[in-house]
Amino acid sequence: MESSSARSNTSERNRVDYARSVSMDSAGHSLGARSASILSRRSSRQGSRGSISLSREMGDSILSSMRHSLQSADQLLGDVDGSVLAQVIDSGDRGLAFENDVDEEEENNVEDHQAVPLPDDTSMRIHGRSSQGTSVVAPVSAMKSKDTNVNGPASSSIKVEPYKLSWMQDYASYLIHLAVFGFLGVFTRYGLQKLFGPSCLALTSDQSPLYLDLPSNMLGSFLMGWFGIIFKADIRHISDHLIVGITTGYMGSLTTFSGWNQKMVGLSSKDHWVYAVAGIVLGMFVVNESITVGAETGERLRGWILKCIIEKSSIGSKCGWEDWRVDTRTKHYALLGVMVILMSLIWILSIVLAIVKVHSLGHGAVLWLGCSVAPPGVWLRWYLARLNGGGIGIGKRRHLKWLPVGTLAANVLAAAIMAALAVTAKAENTRRLTVLNGIQLGFLGCLSTVSTFAAEVYTMRRSGQIARAFVYAAATFVLSFVLGTLIYSVPVWVEHYR
């Protein structure tokens, strides 16, 4: 047993040393080692329990290890519990619902296992707390604080506790941010459909593997590499509501899995099976490459930004990074007020224009109707994301905890409803067809997502879990396509719909 423990300790030291050797900057050394240490301890201490609820600190540590050394991420994350990785990209409102329980469990675990402090050379600085009080990683602020401690150690002991919203206000703020950014996602997706579709550039269509939503899925996956992986911890240090709005709200609504799946089901219903298979395979390759390029370019961009900040700090220029942080009562309510006004204006305008356009069958009816029903789709997907990392089963008998069940459920559910509305539209008049198309664009387009799905596959691949990534991707496509075929294609074949 002692030799086994020694080998385990040696393996952990080697993994930490490897992370240090490939770090791109001085902050990367302590961050990579801290990530490996935190993840190893959390996995060994909590692996025997039920579902592990991901803390923001752990999630940011995982993403930071990818950001600082994409080449060594599999070395750092190889021993991470699969249920933790399933929550890295999106855990929905799980952190809000179970935060107090998680904090109590972690405190009890620390007492029971008599955890000792980490060595100074492997610790990273954790600055500030989110609106719910959870620690977050702030690399930029960490370097600034380090410089401050060198120049003035006495001032480092002064810590101002940031203002925290009440639970009700915090939850409402998340919903409002999701709605506003969801509107923006629908606008962007609709614009890209028109730009690259048959009416303009004619690069995409319903009759080829290059489906209408391919450009938006590519753009959303690329941006997910930036904001969902590389800059996530930095933006979260400014505002957790903002990063949830950008990733889950905007990029989740900019991309759509249900539209992608339905186009392939439609091609197969016309006996264009080669096009359907090509659309799925090529589409998956494209979004995977998009998020990879996004992560790599984002890493370079972030390094350049950090370099500029360090240079400005060295010549005495004041860096305003901390000034952007939403940590006071005034900032919280100012941001919340702006978002409430934006949500109200866009939503009311969308509803009014949708009613007018649908009755007159005017141009843009589908867009405004889609915006009118977009927020419920975003909210439902965010709520379902709480299932990520929870596994399948009841109580302690849960299996497949590595599977992002929430994202899978949202995509499959949206694909099934999309197929049902598509076959219904075959027998409806023009006005009802417009309503159905609006629901497909807004509610179902926002309920399903490709950016989160691609990011989850990416994290599995980067952590060395290639087989799980393949199984997750295959399960998503097979379940959605089979349901789409049963709900849409079979009635089309039987009833001979045109």
Protein backbone atom coordinates (compact mmCIF):
# COMPACT_ATOMS: atom_id res chain seq x y z
CA MET A 1 0.00 0.00 0.00
CA GLU A 2 2.89 2.35 0.80
CA SER A 3 4.52 1.69 -2.57
CA SER A 4 1.21 2.33 -4.32
CA SER A 5 0.85 5.60 -2.43
CA ALA A 6 4.40 6.55 -3.34
CA ARG A 7 3.75 5.85 -7.02
CA SER A 8 0.57 7.92 -6.83
CA ASN A 9 2.44 10.83 -5.23
CA THR A 10 5.22 10.53 -7.80
CA SER A 11 2.67 10.53 -10.63
CA GLU A 12 1.02 13.63 -9.23
CA ARG A 13 4.36 15.42 -8.89
CA ASN A 14 5.30 14.48 -12.45
CA ARG A 15 1.99 15.80 -13.72
CA VAL A 16 2.49 19.09 -11.91
CA ASP A 17 6.10 19.36 -13.12
CA TYR A 18 4.96 18.72 -16.69
CA ALA A 19 2.40 21.50 -16.42
CA ARG A 20 5.06 23.88 -15.16
CA SER A 21 7.44 23.11 -18.00
CA VAL A 22 4.94 24.04 -20.70
CA SER A 23 3.33 27.11 -19.11
CA MET A 24 3.44 30.16 -21.36
CA ASP A 25 3.82 32.79 -18.69
CA SER A 26 4.75 33.14 -15.04
CA ALA A 27 1.11 32.97 -13.96
CA GLY A 28 0.72 29.67 -15.75
CA HIS A 29 3.11 27.82 -13.41
CA SER A 30 1.10 28.21 -10.21
CA LEU A 31 -2.23 27.98 -12.04
CA GLY A 32 -1.51 24.63 -13.68
CA ALA A 33 -0.14 23.13 -10.47
CA ARG A 34 -3.07 24.44 -8.47
CA SER A 35 -5.51 22.97 -11.00
CA ALA A 36 -3.90 19.53 -10.81
CA SER A 37 -3.82 19.59 -7.01
CA ILE A 38 -7.41 20.78 -6.61
CA LEU A 39 -8.77 18.32 -9.14
CA SER A 40 -6.85 15.36 -7.72
CA ARG A 41 -8.00 16.05 -4.17
CA ARG A 42 -11.61 16.75 -5.13
CA SER A 43 -11.81 13.62 -7.28
CA SER A 44 -10.31 11.29 -4.67
CA ARG A 45 -12.29 12.82 -1.81
CA GLN A 46 -15.67 13.03 -3.51
CA GLY A 47 -15.53 10.25 -6.10
CA SER A 48 -17.34 7.80 -3.81
CA ARG A 49 -20.24 10.17 -3.18
CA GLY A 50 -23.16 10.83 -5.46
CA SER A 51 -23.16 13.66 -7.95
CA ILE A 52 -20.40 16.24 -7.52
CA SER A 53 -21.71 19.80 -7.71
CA LEU A 54 -19.14 21.90 -9.56
CA SER A 55 -17.86 24.99 -7.81
CA ARG A 56 -16.96 27.99 -9.91
CA GLU A 57 -13.39 27.79 -8.61
CA MET A 58 -12.99 24.23 -9.85
CA GLY A 59 -14.65 24.98 -13.19
CA ASP A 60 -12.42 27.98 -13.80
CA SER A 61 -9.36 25.94 -12.77
CA ILE A 62 -10.19 23.30 -15.36
CA LEU A 63 -10.67 25.89 -18.10
CA SER A 64 -7.52 27.70 -17.01
CA SER A 65 -5.45 24.54 -17.33
CA MET A 66 -6.69 24.26 -20.92
CA ARG A 67 -6.00 27.92 -21.56
CA HIS A 68 -2.42 27.94 -20.26
CA SER A 69 -1.36 24.69 -21.87
CA LEU A 70 -3.66 23.12 -24.42
CA GLN A 71 -0.99 20.57 -25.23
CA SER A 72 -0.77 19.29 -21.65
CA ALA A 73 -4.45 19.41 -20.74
CA ASP A 74 -4.76 15.65 -21.02
CA GLN A 75 -1.92 15.29 -18.51
CA LEU A 76 -3.57 17.67 -16.05
CA LEU A 77 -7.15 16.47 -16.45
CA GLY A 78 -6.68 12.76 -16.95
CA ASP A 79 -7.77 11.90 -13.39
CA VAL A 80 -10.66 14.36 -13.13
CA ASP A 81 -14.05 12.89 -12.28
CA GLY A 82 -16.21 12.72 -15.40
CA SER A 83 -19.16 14.35 -13.64
CA VAL A 84 -17.02 17.43 -13.03
CA LEU A 85 -16.10 17.79 -16.70
CA ALA A 86 -19.78 17.45 -17.61
CA GLN A 87 -20.49 20.67 -15.69
CA VAL A 88 -17.52 22.77 -16.81
CA ILE A 89 -19.22 24.40 -19.80
CA ASP A 90 -22.73 24.82 -18.40
CA SER A 91 -24.21 23.74 -15.07
CA GLY A 92 -27.36 25.87 -15.32
CA ASP A 93 -28.88 27.07 -12.06
CA ARG A 94 -27.38 24.18 -10.12
CA GLY A 95 -24.89 26.42 -8.36
CA LEU A 96 -27.69 28.70 -7.17
CA ALA A 97 -29.99 25.90 -6.06
CA PHE A 98 -27.44 23.83 -4.18
CA GLU A 99 -24.73 26.31 -3.25
CA ASN A 100 -25.31 26.23 0.50
CA ASP A 101 -25.44 22.44 0.56
CA VAL A 102 -22.23 22.22 -1.44
CA ASP A 103 -20.41 24.64 0.84
CA GLU A 104 -21.45 22.62 3.90
CA GLU A 105 -20.35 19.36 2.28
CA GLU A 106 -16.98 20.80 1.32
CA GLU A 107 -16.43 22.11 4.85
CA ASN A 108 -17.34 18.73 6.32
CA ASN A 109 -15.03 16.96 3.88
CA VAL A 110 -12.16 19.26 4.79
CA GLU A 111 -12.69 18.52 8.49
CA ASP A 112 -13.11 14.77 7.99
CA HIS A 113 -10.04 14.38 5.78
CA GLN A 114 -7.93 16.95 7.68
CA ALA A 115 -6.81 18.63 4.49
CA VAL A 116 -3.54 20.50 4.77
CA PRO A 117 -2.74 23.77 3.01
CA LEU A 118 -1.12 23.57 -0.39
CA PRO A 119 2.53 24.56 -0.74
CA ASP A 120 3.13 28.17 -1.55
CA ASP A 121 4.69 27.39 -4.92
CA THR A 122 1.57 25.57 -6.13
CA SER A 123 -1.06 27.99 -4.89
CA MET A 124 -2.72 30.63 -7.03
CA ARG A 125 -4.41 33.77 -5.86
CA ILE A 126 -8.17 33.77 -5.75
CA HIS A 127 -9.58 37.29 -5.76
CA GLY A 128 -13.11 38.42 -5.14
CA ARG A 129 -16.40 36.60 -5.07
CA SER A 130 -19.33 36.42 -7.45
CA SER A 131 -22.74 37.76 -6.59
CA GLN A 132 -23.41 34.50 -4.75
CA GLY A 133 -20.07 34.57 -2.98
CA THR A 134 -18.28 31.80 -4.87
CA SER A 135 -14.58 32.24 -5.48
CA VAL A 136 -13.50 32.78 -9.05
CA VAL A 137 -10.18 32.82 -10.83
CA ALA A 138 -8.93 36.16 -12.03
CA PRO A 139 -5.53 35.79 -13.71
CA VAL A 140 -5.22 39.45 -14.66
CA SER A 141 -6.15 40.61 -11.20
CA ALA A 142 -3.88 37.97 -9.71
CA MET A 143 -0.84 39.45 -11.41
CA LYS A 144 -1.85 42.94 -10.39
CA SER A 145 -2.31 41.85 -6.80
CA LYS A 146 1.07 40.14 -6.85
CA ASP A 147 2.74 43.37 -7.92
CA THR A 148 0.83 45.24 -5.23
CA ASN A 149 1.97 42.83 -2.56
CA VAL A 150 5.59 43.33 -3.57
CA ASN A 151 5.35 47.11 -3.50
CA GLY A 152 3.12 47.39 -0.49
CA PRO A 153 2.61 44.32 1.69
CA ALA A 154 0.64 46.20 4.28
CA SER A 155 -2.13 47.10 1.85
CA SER A 156 -2.59 43.49 0.76
CA SER A 157 -4.33 42.66 4.03
CA ILE A 158 -7.13 45.12 3.29
CA LYS A 159 -10.05 43.29 1.70
CA VAL A 160 -13.36 44.86 0.79
CA GLU A 161 -16.26 42.43 0.78
CA PRO A 162 -18.22 42.87 -2.46
CA TYR A 163 -21.95 43.47 -2.38
CA LYS A 164 -24.10 40.37 -2.91
CA LEU A 165 -27.58 40.32 -4.37
CA SER A 166 -30.31 38.40 -2.61
CA TRP A 167 -31.09 34.94 -3.95
CA MET A 168 -34.26 36.15 -5.68
CA GLN A 169 -32.53 39.14 -7.26
CA ASP A 170 -29.59 36.99 -8.31
CA TYR A 171 -31.79 34.41 -10.00
CA ALA A 172 -33.84 37.11 -11.73
CA SER A 173 -30.65 38.78 -12.95
CA TYR A 174 -29.53 35.54 -14.60
CA LEU A 175 -32.88 35.16 -16.34
CA ILE A 176 -32.83 38.75 -17.57
CA HIS A 177 -29.29 38.46 -18.94
CA LEU A 178 -30.20 35.19 -20.65
CA ALA A 179 -33.24 36.77 -22.29
CA VAL A 180 -31.40 39.85 -23.58
CA PHE A 181 -28.50 37.88 -25.03
CA GLY A 182 -30.95 35.30 -26.35
CA PHE A 183 -32.63 38.04 -28.41
CA LEU A 184 -29.25 39.03 -29.83
CA GLY A 185 -28.51 35.41 -30.69
CA VAL A 186 -31.77 35.04 -32.63
CA PHE A 187 -31.14 38.29 -34.52
CA THR A 188 -27.64 37.17 -35.50
CA ARG A 189 -28.73 33.68 -36.55
CA TYR A 190 -31.57 35.04 -38.67
CA GLY A 191 -29.25 37.56 -40.32
CA LEU A 192 -26.67 34.90 -41.15
CA GLN A 193 -29.40 32.69 -42.63
CA LYS A 194 -30.42 35.49 -44.97
CA LEU A 195 -26.85 36.52 -45.79
CA PHE A 196 -25.53 33.08 -46.75
CA GLY A 197 -28.88 31.66 -47.91
CA PRO A 198 -30.37 31.39 -51.41
CA SER A 199 -31.65 34.98 -51.40
CA CYS A 200 -28.18 36.54 -51.10
CA LEU A 201 -24.84 34.69 -51.32
CA ALA A 202 -26.47 31.32 -52.02
CA LEU A 203 -23.80 29.35 -50.15
CA THR A 204 -26.28 27.44 -47.99
CA SER A 205 -29.68 25.90 -48.69
CA ASP A 206 -32.18 23.28 -47.55
CA GLN A 207 -31.20 21.01 -50.43
CA SER A 208 -27.52 20.46 -49.65
CA PRO A 209 -25.26 19.35 -46.77
CA LEU A 210 -24.43 23.04 -46.30
CA TYR A 211 -27.59 23.72 -44.29
CA LEU A 212 -28.87 27.21 -43.53
CA ASP A 213 -27.66 27.32 -39.92
CA LEU A 214 -24.10 26.19 -40.70
CA PRO A 215 -22.58 29.73 -40.65
CA SER A 216 -24.19 30.57 -37.31
CA ASN A 217 -23.08 27.24 -35.82
CA MET A 218 -19.54 27.90 -37.02
CA LEU A 219 -19.47 31.43 -35.62
CA GLY A 220 -21.04 30.40 -32.31
CA SER A 221 -18.59 27.53 -31.84
CA PHE A 222 -15.65 29.79 -32.66
CA LEU A 223 -16.79 32.40 -30.15
CA MET A 224 -17.38 29.65 -27.60
CA GLY A 225 -13.67 28.88 -27.82
CA TRP A 226 -13.02 32.49 -26.87
CA PHE A 227 -15.60 33.28 -24.24
CA GLY A 228 -16.58 29.80 -23.07
CA ILE A 229 -13.03 28.51 -22.53
CA ILE A 230 -10.27 31.12 -22.76
CA PHE A 231 -11.83 34.33 -21.40
CA LYS A 232 -14.53 32.75 -19.24
CA ALA A 233 -12.73 33.11 -15.91
CA ASP A 234 -11.70 36.69 -16.69
CA ILE A 235 -15.21 37.82 -17.62
CA ARG A 236 -16.67 35.93 -14.68
CA HIS A 237 -14.41 37.97 -12.42
CA ILE A 238 -16.18 41.05 -13.77
CA SER A 239 -19.72 39.61 -13.62
CA ASP A 240 -20.94 36.04 -13.45
CA HIS A 241 -24.30 37.13 -14.87
CA LEU A 242 -22.51 38.59 -17.88
CA ILE A 243 -20.56 35.44 -18.75
CA VAL A 244 -23.67 33.27 -18.40
CA GLY A 245 -25.52 35.68 -20.68
CA ILE A 246 -22.75 35.61 -23.29
CA THR A 247 -22.13 31.84 -23.34
CA THR A 248 -25.49 30.28 -22.51
CA GLY A 249 -27.63 33.18 -23.72
CA TYR A 250 -25.98 34.56 -26.84
CA MET A 251 -23.87 31.72 -28.21
CA GLY A 252 -26.38 29.09 -27.15
CA SER A 253 -29.09 30.94 -29.09
CA LEU A 254 -26.84 31.86 -32.00
CA THR A 255 -26.30 28.14 -32.64
CA THR A 256 -29.07 25.58 -33.02
CA PHE A 257 -28.95 21.81 -33.07
CA SER A 258 -32.64 21.22 -33.77
CA GLY A 259 -32.51 23.17 -37.05
CA TRP A 260 -29.41 21.26 -38.14
CA ASN A 261 -30.97 17.89 -37.34
CA GLN A 262 -34.27 18.75 -39.04
CA LYS A 263 -32.56 19.75 -42.28
CA MET A 264 -30.79 16.39 -42.39
CA VAL A 265 -34.03 14.54 -41.58
CA GLY A 266 -35.71 16.48 -44.39
CA LEU A 267 -33.01 15.43 -46.84
CA SER A 268 -33.32 11.78 -45.84
CA SER A 269 -37.10 11.91 -46.24
CA LYS A 270 -36.48 12.82 -49.89
CA ASP A 271 -34.10 9.84 -50.25
CA HIS A 272 -31.04 12.10 -50.24
CA TRP A 273 -29.30 9.88 -47.68
CA VAL A 274 -25.80 10.71 -48.86
CA TYR A 275 -26.45 14.42 -48.38
CA ALA A 276 -27.93 13.76 -44.93
CA VAL A 277 -24.95 11.72 -43.73
CA ALA A 278 -22.52 14.22 -45.26
CA GLY A 279 -24.31 17.09 -43.56
CA ILE A 280 -23.97 15.42 -40.16
CA VAL A 281 -20.36 14.28 -40.53
CA LEU A 282 -19.01 17.39 -42.24
CA GLY A 283 -21.03 19.64 -39.96
CA MET A 284 -19.53 18.01 -36.88
CA PHE A 285 -16.02 18.35 -38.26
CA VAL A 286 -16.65 22.02 -39.02
CA VAL A 287 -17.94 22.94 -35.55
CA ASN A 288 -15.19 20.94 -33.85
CA GLU A 289 -12.56 22.75 -35.85
CA SER A 290 -14.28 26.08 -35.23
CA ILE A 291 -14.10 25.73 -31.44
CA THR A 292 -10.51 24.48 -31.66
CA VAL A 293 -9.45 27.49 -33.73
CA GLY A 294 -11.40 29.74 -31.38
CA ALA A 295 -9.57 28.37 -28.33
CA GLU A 296 -6.16 28.65 -29.98
CA THR A 297 -6.66 32.19 -31.29
CA GLY A 298 -8.24 33.22 -28.00
CA GLU A 299 -5.20 31.93 -26.16
CA ARG A 300 -2.91 34.06 -28.31
CA LEU A 301 -5.16 37.10 -27.96
CA ARG A 302 -5.30 36.75 -24.20
CA GLY A 303 -1.53 36.46 -24.02
CA TRP A 304 -1.20 39.67 -26.02
CA ILE A 305 -3.68 41.45 -23.74
CA LEU A 306 -1.82 40.33 -20.62
CA LYS A 307 1.45 41.50 -22.16
CA CYS A 308 -0.02 44.94 -22.82
CA ILE A 309 -1.36 45.16 -19.27
CA ILE A 310 2.01 44.22 -17.80
CA GLU A 311 3.81 46.77 -19.97
CA LYS A 312 1.39 49.54 -18.97
CA SER A 313 1.73 48.61 -15.31
CA SER A 314 5.53 48.70 -15.55
CA ILE A 315 5.53 52.30 -16.82
CA GLY A 316 3.11 53.47 -14.16
CA SER A 317 -0.09 53.56 -16.18
CA LYS A 318 -3.18 52.65 -14.21
CA CYS A 319 -4.94 49.52 -15.40
CA GLY A 320 -8.71 49.81 -15.17
CA TRP A 321 -9.49 46.07 -15.08
CA GLU A 322 -10.80 46.21 -11.50
CA ASP A 323 -12.92 49.25 -12.33
CA TRP A 324 -15.10 47.10 -14.56
CA ARG A 325 -15.91 44.59 -11.84
CA VAL A 326 -19.54 44.56 -10.72
CA ASP A 327 -19.00 44.32 -6.97
CA THR A 328 -20.94 47.21 -5.45
CA ARG A 329 -24.62 47.81 -4.84
CA THR A 330 -24.65 50.71 -7.31
CA LYS A 331 -23.02 48.70 -10.10
CA HIS A 332 -25.28 45.71 -9.54
CA TYR A 333 -28.47 47.73 -9.70
CA ALA A 334 -27.24 49.90 -12.57
CA LEU A 335 -26.43 46.85 -14.68
CA LEU A 336 -29.66 45.13 -13.69
CA GLY A 337 -31.67 48.25 -14.54
CA VAL A 338 -30.09 48.53 -17.99
CA MET A 339 -30.74 44.87 -18.73
CA VAL A 340 -34.37 45.11 -17.56
CA ILE A 341 -34.96 48.09 -19.85
CA LEU A 342 -33.36 46.31 -22.82
CA MET A 343 -35.33 43.13 -22.21
CA SER A 344 -38.61 45.01 -21.86
CA LEU A 345 -38.09 47.12 -24.98
CA ILE A 346 -36.99 44.23 -27.21
CA TRP A 347 -39.65 41.84 -25.95
CA ILE A 348 -42.55 44.30 -26.19
CA LEU A 349 -41.40 45.48 -29.62
CA SER A 350 -41.09 41.88 -30.82
CA ILE A 351 -44.58 40.94 -29.62
CA VAL A 352 -46.21 44.01 -31.18
CA LEU A 353 -44.43 43.57 -34.51
CA ALA A 354 -45.13 39.83 -34.50
CA ILE A 355 -48.87 40.42 -34.12
CA VAL A 356 -48.90 43.05 -36.87
CA LYS A 357 -46.72 41.08 -39.28
CA VAL A 358 -48.53 37.77 -38.79
CA HIS A 359 -51.95 39.30 -39.46
CA SER A 360 -50.69 41.08 -42.57
CA LEU A 361 -48.32 38.26 -43.57
CA GLY A 362 -45.66 40.93 -43.91
CA HIS A 363 -41.92 40.53 -44.27
CA GLY A 364 -40.14 39.72 -41.00
CA ALA A 365 -43.07 38.00 -39.31
CA VAL A 366 -41.00 34.87 -38.60
CA LEU A 367 -38.17 36.90 -37.06
CA TRP A 368 -40.33 38.92 -34.67
CA LEU A 369 -42.43 35.93 -33.70
CA GLY A 370 -39.22 34.00 -33.07
CA CYS A 371 -37.91 36.74 -30.79
CA SER A 372 -41.22 36.76 -28.91
CA VAL A 373 -40.84 33.09 -27.91
CA ALA A 374 -37.04 33.01 -27.58
CA PRO A 375 -36.63 33.70 -23.81
CA PRO A 376 -38.58 30.61 -22.63
CA GLY A 377 -36.33 28.47 -24.83
CA VAL A 378 -33.16 29.94 -23.32
CA TRP A 379 -34.50 29.61 -19.78
CA LEU A 380 -35.54 25.99 -20.25
CA ARG A 381 -32.13 25.04 -21.65
CA TRP A 382 -30.38 26.78 -18.76
CA TYR A 383 -32.64 24.98 -16.29
CA LEU A 384 -32.01 21.59 -17.91
CA ALA A 385 -28.25 22.22 -17.70
CA ARG A 386 -28.48 21.57 -13.96
CA LEU A 387 -28.73 17.88 -14.91
CA ASN A 388 -25.21 17.91 -16.34
CA GLY A 389 -22.97 15.71 -14.21
CA GLY A 390 -25.91 14.26 -12.30
CA GLY A 391 -25.99 10.97 -14.17
CA ILE A 392 -28.97 8.77 -14.96
CA GLY A 393 -30.78 7.01 -12.14
CA ILE A 394 -32.28 7.62 -8.71
CA GLY A 395 -30.48 8.37 -5.47
CA LYS A 396 -27.03 6.87 -5.14
CA ARG A 397 -27.59 4.45 -8.00
CA ARG A 398 -26.66 6.85 -10.75
CA HIS A 399 -24.78 5.92 -13.88
CA LEU A 400 -23.15 7.81 -16.75
CA LYS A 401 -22.34 10.81 -14.57
CA TRP A 402 -19.78 11.90 -17.17
CA LEU A 403 -22.60 12.48 -19.67
CA PRO A 404 -23.95 16.08 -20.01
CA VAL A 405 -27.53 14.86 -19.60
CA GLY A 406 -29.02 18.35 -19.53
CA THR A 407 -27.55 19.44 -22.86
CA LEU A 408 -28.41 16.07 -24.39
CA ALA A 409 -32.02 16.32 -23.18
CA ALA A 410 -32.39 19.89 -24.48
CA ASN A 411 -31.09 19.01 -27.94
CA VAL A 412 -33.07 15.78 -28.32
CA LEU A 413 -36.27 17.37 -26.99
CA ALA A 414 -35.94 20.35 -29.33
CA ALA A 415 -35.22 18.05 -32.29
CA ALA A 416 -38.34 15.98 -31.56
CA ILE A 417 -40.59 19.04 -31.24
CA MET A 418 -39.03 20.54 -34.37
CA ALA A 419 -39.89 17.39 -36.34
CA ALA A 420 -43.47 17.45 -35.04
CA LEU A 421 -43.94 21.09 -36.05
CA ALA A 422 -42.34 20.44 -39.44
CA VAL A 423 -44.75 17.63 -40.30
CA THR A 424 -47.66 19.71 -39.01
CA ALA A 425 -46.62 22.57 -41.29
CA LYS A 426 -47.11 20.29 -44.30
CA ALA A 427 -50.88 20.47 -43.91
CA GLU A 428 -51.32 24.03 -42.62
CA ASN A 429 -52.17 27.31 -44.35
CA THR A 430 -49.74 30.17 -44.83
CA ARG A 431 -50.57 32.08 -41.64
CA ARG A 432 -50.21 29.05 -39.40
CA LEU A 433 -47.07 28.08 -41.25
CA THR A 434 -45.58 31.46 -40.33
CA VAL A 435 -46.41 30.86 -36.67
CA LEU A 436 -44.83 27.42 -36.74
CA ASN A 437 -41.70 28.76 -38.43
CA GLY A 438 -41.44 31.47 -35.79
CA ILE A 439 -41.63 28.91 -33.00
CA GLN A 440 -38.97 26.84 -34.72
CA LEU A 441 -36.68 29.84 -35.13
CA GLY A 442 -37.13 31.25 -31.64
CA PHE A 443 -38.19 28.76 -28.99
CA LEU A 444 -36.68 25.59 -30.46
CA GLY A 445 -33.64 27.36 -31.88
CA CYS A 446 -32.83 28.70 -28.41
CA LEU A 447 -33.75 25.48 -26.60
CA SER A 448 -31.15 23.52 -28.57
CA THR A 449 -27.50 24.49 -28.91
CA VAL A 450 -24.41 23.52 -30.87
CA SER A 451 -21.87 25.77 -29.14
CA THR A 452 -22.33 24.16 -25.72
CA PHE A 453 -22.50 20.70 -27.29
CA ALA A 454 -19.27 21.30 -29.24
CA ALA A 455 -17.54 22.74 -26.16
CA GLU A 456 -18.48 19.69 -24.09
CA VAL A 457 -17.11 17.36 -26.77
CA TYR A 458 -13.99 19.52 -26.90
CA THR A 459 -13.37 19.31 -23.13
CA MET A 460 -13.75 15.53 -23.24
CA ARG A 461 -11.26 15.27 -26.07
CA ARG A 462 -8.76 17.62 -24.43
CA SER A 463 -8.95 15.64 -21.18
CA GLY A 464 -8.10 12.42 -22.99
CA GLN A 465 -11.64 10.98 -22.89
CA ILE A 466 -11.85 10.42 -26.65
CA ALA A 467 -14.19 7.43 -26.41
CA ARG A 468 -16.65 9.31 -24.21
CA ALA A 469 -16.59 12.29 -26.57
CA PHE A 470 -17.42 10.01 -29.48
CA VAL A 471 -20.20 8.23 -27.56
CA TYR A 472 -21.73 11.54 -26.46
CA ALA A 473 -21.69 12.99 -29.97
CA ALA A 474 -23.02 9.77 -31.51
CA ALA A 475 -25.80 9.47 -28.91
CA THR A 476 -26.93 13.04 -29.58
CA PHE A 477 -27.12 12.56 -33.34
CA VAL A 478 -28.58 9.04 -33.30
CA LEU A 479 -31.34 9.82 -30.81
CA SER A 480 -32.28 13.08 -32.53
CA PHE A 481 -32.17 11.64 -36.04
CA VAL A 482 -34.15 8.51 -35.14
CA LEU A 483 -36.85 10.54 -33.39
CA GLY A 484 -36.94 12.97 -36.30
CA THR A 485 -37.35 10.11 -38.75
CA LEU A 486 -40.17 8.52 -36.76
CA ILE A 487 -42.01 11.80 -36.17
CA TYR A 488 -41.40 13.52 -39.52
CA SER A 489 -40.21 11.14 -42.24
CA VAL A 490 -42.64 8.27 -41.59
CA PRO A 491 -45.77 10.47 -41.90
CA VAL A 492 -44.27 12.12 -45.00
CA TRP A 493 -43.70 8.74 -46.61
CA VAL A 494 -47.10 7.36 -45.59
CA GLU A 495 -49.17 10.44 -46.46
CA HIS A 496 -47.03 11.33 -49.49
CA TYR A 497 -46.57 14.94 -48.40
CA ARG A 498 -44.78 17.11 -50.95
